[in-house]
């Protein structure tokens, strides 16, 4: 028992110190900061890089919160599909991603997402009831946190996990878990859409199903049979955009 307790303590300590590197792998930077990019300054002085894809015909603006191996250069390759589907989109690089300064952490993602939200409202003049946080994978964590504490039109979670550690352990066995979406889901009051592929081998499908079941407010889902983690919109085809628009048109 003493040996097992010792192993458990070592695993817990290891998870605490190693989880940051596992949760926040950064891809190569694919862009240079130019006129298409916006600089946000956090209260602690850290500079973050953002980008806005306007759409004068859009009813809603997606606050797109990207996954853990993405940055604005890569987003620029597929975000125009959201604009083509009828949305305006605002996205930013987390600390340490792309050309943003600083180091990522759970607390920093929450605070910086709030900063992006306030920029949308005060600088770009987008009303709260026209903002839809769209959390992809890791981005589901800050998207849920924002929707819990700020007025938004609705919330979209795609490929999100119930919590960070449970992507690896399935059951909650290690203390200090991060981005605990499942525990927060029942407290959401805005409409929620959950999107997940049934053969997602990065964040298994059961995560999306559990989140959907835990949501108590008005909700919708798009569970794609055979769908992967990345490239789900391309895999699904027009039905993806039809269901996403159906949800946002109902807000």
Protein backbone atom coordinates (compact mmCIF):
# COMPACT_ATOMS: atom_id res chain seq x y z
CA UNK A 1 0.00 0.00 0.00
CA UNK A 2 2.84 2.37 0.82
CA UNK A 3 4.50 1.54 -2.51
CA UNK A 4 1.27 2.12 -4.42
CA UNK A 5 0.71 5.39 -2.59
CA UNK A 6 4.23 6.47 -3.49
CA UNK A 7 3.69 5.62 -7.15
CA UNK A 8 0.40 7.52 -7.16
CA UNK A 9 2.07 10.60 -5.67
CA UNK A 10 4.83 10.44 -8.29
CA UNK A 11 2.26 10.11 -11.08
CA UNK A 12 0.32 13.09 -9.72
CA UNK A 13 3.47 15.20 -9.49
CA UNK A 14 4.56 14.12 -12.96
CA UNK A 15 1.14 14.99 -14.40
CA UNK A 16 1.31 18.43 -12.84
CA UNK A 17 4.72 19.28 -14.29
CA UNK A 18 4.46 17.45 -17.62
CA UNK A 19 0.88 18.29 -18.55
CA UNK A 20 1.78 21.76 -19.83
CA UNK A 21 4.08 20.38 -22.49
CA UNK A 22 1.55 17.73 -23.48
CA UNK A 23 -1.44 20.08 -23.61
CA UNK A 24 0.26 22.96 -25.39
CA UNK A 25 2.39 21.63 -28.27
CA UNK A 26 3.03 24.49 -30.67
CA UNK A 27 3.27 24.03 -34.44
CA UNK A 28 5.72 25.87 -36.70
CA UNK A 29 4.70 29.48 -37.34
CA UNK A 30 3.21 29.93 -40.81
CA UNK A 31 2.70 33.70 -40.89
CA UNK A 32 4.35 37.06 -40.44
CA UNK A 33 2.47 39.83 -38.69
CA UNK A 34 1.12 42.19 -41.35
CA UNK A 35 -1.84 44.49 -41.97
CA UNK A 36 -4.30 41.57 -41.75
CA UNK A 37 -3.38 40.99 -38.10
CA UNK A 38 -4.37 42.75 -34.88
CA UNK A 39 -2.28 43.14 -31.74
CA UNK A 40 -3.98 42.70 -28.38
CA UNK A 41 -2.23 43.76 -25.17
CA UNK A 42 -3.04 41.81 -22.02
CA UNK A 43 -3.14 43.58 -18.64
CA UNK A 44 0.32 42.16 -17.83
CA UNK A 45 1.75 43.68 -21.00
CA UNK A 46 1.98 40.48 -23.04
CA UNK A 47 1.27 41.03 -26.74
CA UNK A 48 -1.11 38.63 -28.47
CA UNK A 49 -1.74 38.37 -32.19
CA UNK A 50 -5.31 38.13 -33.50
CA UNK A 51 -7.05 38.20 -36.84
CA UNK A 52 -10.52 39.25 -37.93
CA UNK A 53 -12.34 37.89 -40.96
CA UNK A 54 -15.26 40.33 -41.45
CA UNK A 55 -18.48 39.47 -43.23
CA UNK A 56 -20.94 42.37 -43.65
CA UNK A 57 -23.76 39.90 -44.33
CA UNK A 58 -23.12 37.84 -41.18
CA UNK A 59 -25.62 37.77 -38.36
CA UNK A 60 -23.14 36.12 -35.96
CA UNK A 61 -19.43 36.40 -35.30
CA UNK A 62 -17.62 33.24 -34.25
CA UNK A 63 -14.96 33.76 -31.60
CA UNK A 64 -12.86 30.84 -32.83
CA UNK A 65 -10.68 29.23 -30.15
CA UNK A 66 -8.26 26.89 -31.84
CA UNK A 67 -6.78 23.52 -30.94
CA UNK A 68 -3.44 22.76 -29.33
CA UNK A 69 -1.39 22.30 -32.51
CA UNK A 70 -2.76 25.22 -34.47
CA UNK A 71 -1.90 28.86 -35.05
CA UNK A 72 -3.30 31.73 -37.10
CA UNK A 73 -1.30 30.90 -40.21
CA UNK A 74 -2.87 27.45 -40.40
CA UNK A 75 -6.30 28.83 -39.48
CA UNK A 76 -6.06 31.17 -42.43
CA UNK A 77 -6.23 28.15 -44.70
CA UNK A 78 -9.73 27.09 -43.60
CA UNK A 79 -11.42 29.93 -41.69
CA UNK A 80 -12.52 31.46 -45.04
CA UNK A 81 -14.88 28.47 -45.33
CA UNK A 82 -16.73 29.79 -42.26
CA UNK A 83 -16.94 33.21 -43.89
CA UNK A 84 -18.27 31.60 -47.07
CA UNK A 85 -20.89 29.84 -44.93
CA UNK A 86 -22.15 33.19 -43.66
CA UNK A 87 -20.13 33.97 -40.52
CA UNK A 88 -17.68 36.65 -39.46
CA UNK A 89 -14.77 35.15 -37.49
CA UNK A 90 -12.35 36.48 -34.88
CA UNK A 91 -9.44 34.33 -33.67
CA UNK A 92 -6.23 34.85 -31.72
CA UNK A 93 -3.09 32.91 -30.96
CA UNK A 94 -2.72 31.71 -27.39
CA UNK A 95 0.41 32.80 -25.54
CA UNK A 96 3.45 31.07 -27.02
CA UNK A 97 1.57 30.16 -30.21
CA UNK A 98 2.29 31.77 -33.55
CA UNK A 99 3.64 35.27 -33.00
CA UNK A 100 2.00 35.75 -29.59
CA UNK A 101 4.31 36.36 -26.64
CA UNK A 102 4.34 34.61 -23.27
CA UNK A 103 3.63 31.06 -22.15
CA UNK A 104 0.31 29.21 -22.27
CA UNK A 105 -1.54 27.99 -19.20
CA UNK A 106 -5.14 27.26 -18.31
CA UNK A 107 -5.50 30.57 -16.45
CA UNK A 108 -3.87 32.52 -19.28
CA UNK A 109 -6.18 30.98 -21.90
CA UNK A 110 -9.20 31.99 -19.85
CA UNK A 111 -7.98 35.55 -19.29
CA UNK A 112 -6.86 36.08 -22.87
CA UNK A 113 -10.12 34.73 -24.27
CA UNK A 114 -11.93 37.33 -22.16
CA UNK A 115 -9.57 39.95 -23.63
CA UNK A 116 -10.48 38.87 -27.17
CA UNK A 117 -14.17 38.91 -26.26
CA UNK A 118 -13.90 42.47 -24.93
CA UNK A 119 -12.05 43.56 -28.08
CA UNK A 120 -14.88 42.15 -30.16
CA UNK A 121 -17.44 44.06 -28.15
CA UNK A 122 -15.70 47.40 -27.59
CA UNK A 123 -13.38 47.83 -30.58
CA UNK A 124 -15.27 45.98 -33.31
CA UNK A 125 -18.73 46.81 -31.95
CA UNK A 126 -20.13 43.29 -32.04
CA UNK A 127 -23.06 42.95 -29.57
CA UNK A 128 -22.89 40.10 -27.06
CA UNK A 129 -26.01 38.51 -28.55
CA UNK A 130 -24.18 38.17 -31.88
CA UNK A 131 -21.04 36.48 -30.48
CA UNK A 132 -20.77 32.67 -30.62
CA UNK A 133 -17.64 31.16 -29.02
CA UNK A 134 -16.52 28.21 -31.13
CA UNK A 135 -14.17 25.95 -29.17
CA UNK A 136 -12.27 23.36 -31.19
CA UNK A 137 -10.52 20.61 -29.20
CA UNK A 138 -8.41 22.43 -26.56
CA UNK A 139 -10.35 25.59 -27.40
CA UNK A 140 -13.43 24.03 -25.82
CA UNK A 141 -11.97 24.79 -22.37
CA UNK A 142 -11.77 28.58 -22.70
CA UNK A 143 -14.98 28.63 -24.78
CA UNK A 144 -16.98 27.04 -21.95
CA UNK A 145 -15.35 29.26 -19.33
CA UNK A 146 -16.23 32.37 -21.34
CA UNK A 147 -19.83 31.25 -21.91
CA UNK A 148 -20.25 30.63 -18.18
CA UNK A 149 -19.30 34.17 -17.21
CA UNK A 150 -20.12 36.42 -20.17
CA UNK A 151 -23.30 36.93 -22.22
CA UNK A 152 -23.09 35.19 -25.60
CA UNK A 153 -25.60 34.15 -28.24
CA UNK A 154 -24.66 30.48 -28.10
CA UNK A 155 -21.72 28.10 -27.82
CA UNK A 156 -20.26 25.54 -30.25
CA UNK A 157 -17.92 22.78 -29.05
CA UNK A 158 -16.19 20.64 -31.67
CA UNK A 159 -13.93 17.74 -30.74
CA UNK A 160 -13.87 18.94 -27.12
CA UNK A 161 -12.82 16.78 -24.16
CA UNK A 162 -14.54 16.26 -20.80
CA UNK A 163 -11.26 17.29 -19.14
CA UNK A 164 -7.62 17.37 -20.17
CA UNK A 165 -6.31 14.45 -18.12
CA UNK A 166 -9.19 12.17 -19.05
CA UNK A 167 -8.10 12.19 -22.68
CA UNK A 168 -5.26 9.98 -21.39
CA UNK A 169 -6.76 8.25 -18.34
CA UNK A 170 -10.48 8.04 -19.32
CA UNK A 171 -11.47 7.96 -15.63
CA UNK A 172 -10.61 10.78 -13.17
CA UNK A 173 -7.71 9.21 -11.26
CA UNK A 174 -5.13 12.03 -11.16
CA UNK A 175 -5.74 15.18 -9.06
CA UNK A 176 -5.30 18.66 -10.46
CA UNK A 177 -7.13 18.05 -13.75
CA UNK A 178 -7.43 20.99 -16.15
CA UNK A 179 -10.12 22.40 -18.45
CA UNK A 180 -12.89 20.48 -16.69
CA UNK A 181 -15.60 20.99 -19.27
CA UNK A 182 -17.86 18.16 -18.12
CA UNK A 183 -18.11 19.57 -14.59
CA UNK A 184 -19.06 23.00 -15.97
CA UNK A 185 -21.46 21.88 -18.71
CA UNK A 186 -24.56 21.59 -16.47
CA UNK A 187 -24.16 25.26 -15.46
CA UNK A 188 -24.24 26.62 -19.01
CA UNK A 189 -27.34 28.71 -19.74
CA UNK A 190 -26.82 29.64 -23.39
CA UNK A 191 -27.79 27.28 -26.24
CA UNK A 192 -25.02 24.75 -26.96
CA UNK A 193 -24.10 22.73 -30.03
CA UNK A 194 -21.75 19.75 -29.70
CA UNK A 195 -19.95 18.47 -32.80
CA UNK A 196 -17.86 15.30 -32.76
CA UNK A 197 -16.69 12.56 -35.09
CA UNK A 198 -17.43 8.97 -34.10
CA UNK A 199 -13.94 7.74 -35.02
CA UNK A 200 -12.02 10.66 -33.50
CA UNK A 201 -8.73 9.08 -32.41
CA UNK A 202 -7.42 12.22 -30.67
CA UNK A 203 -10.38 12.99 -28.41
CA UNK A 204 -12.56 9.85 -28.50
CA UNK A 205 -16.24 10.23 -29.32
CA UNK A 206 -17.42 9.44 -25.78
CA UNK A 207 -16.09 12.83 -24.66
CA UNK A 208 -18.48 14.69 -26.96
CA UNK A 209 -21.36 12.42 -26.00
CA UNK A 210 -20.79 12.95 -22.26
CA UNK A 211 -20.61 16.73 -22.69
CA UNK A 212 -23.84 16.74 -24.72
CA UNK A 213 -25.63 14.63 -22.11
CA UNK A 214 -24.43 16.94 -19.31
CA UNK A 215 -25.75 20.14 -20.93
CA UNK A 216 -29.11 21.10 -19.42
CA UNK A 217 -29.93 24.13 -21.53
CA UNK A 218 -31.23 24.10 -25.10
CA UNK A 219 -28.85 22.02 -27.15
CA UNK A 220 -28.11 20.49 -30.55
CA UNK A 221 -25.56 18.03 -31.83
CA UNK A 222 -23.85 16.89 -34.98
CA UNK A 223 -22.34 13.45 -34.42
CA UNK A 224 -20.60 12.44 -37.63
CA UNK A 225 -20.42 8.70 -38.25
CA UNK A 226 -16.86 7.84 -39.25
CA UNK A 227 -15.77 11.43 -38.68
CA UNK A 228 -12.16 12.22 -37.61
CA UNK A 229 -10.81 14.85 -35.21
CA UNK A 230 -9.26 17.19 -37.75
CA UNK A 231 -10.84 18.12 -41.05
CA UNK A 232 -14.32 17.20 -39.86
CA UNK A 233 -16.04 19.86 -41.98
CA UNK A 234 -14.35 18.56 -45.14
CA UNK A 235 -15.21 14.99 -44.22
CA UNK A 236 -18.86 15.81 -43.52
CA UNK A 237 -19.43 18.07 -46.52
CA UNK A 238 -22.43 20.41 -46.94
CA UNK A 239 -24.32 18.76 -44.07
CA UNK A 240 -21.78 20.25 -41.65
CA UNK A 241 -22.55 23.80 -42.73
CA UNK A 242 -26.30 23.14 -42.88
CA UNK A 243 -26.39 21.95 -39.27
CA UNK A 244 -24.12 24.73 -38.01
CA UNK A 245 -26.28 27.36 -39.71
CA UNK A 246 -29.44 25.69 -38.48
CA UNK A 247 -28.14 26.06 -34.91
CA UNK A 248 -26.98 29.68 -35.23
CA UNK A 249 -30.15 30.70 -37.08
CA UNK A 250 -32.13 29.44 -34.07
CA UNK A 251 -30.32 31.73 -31.63
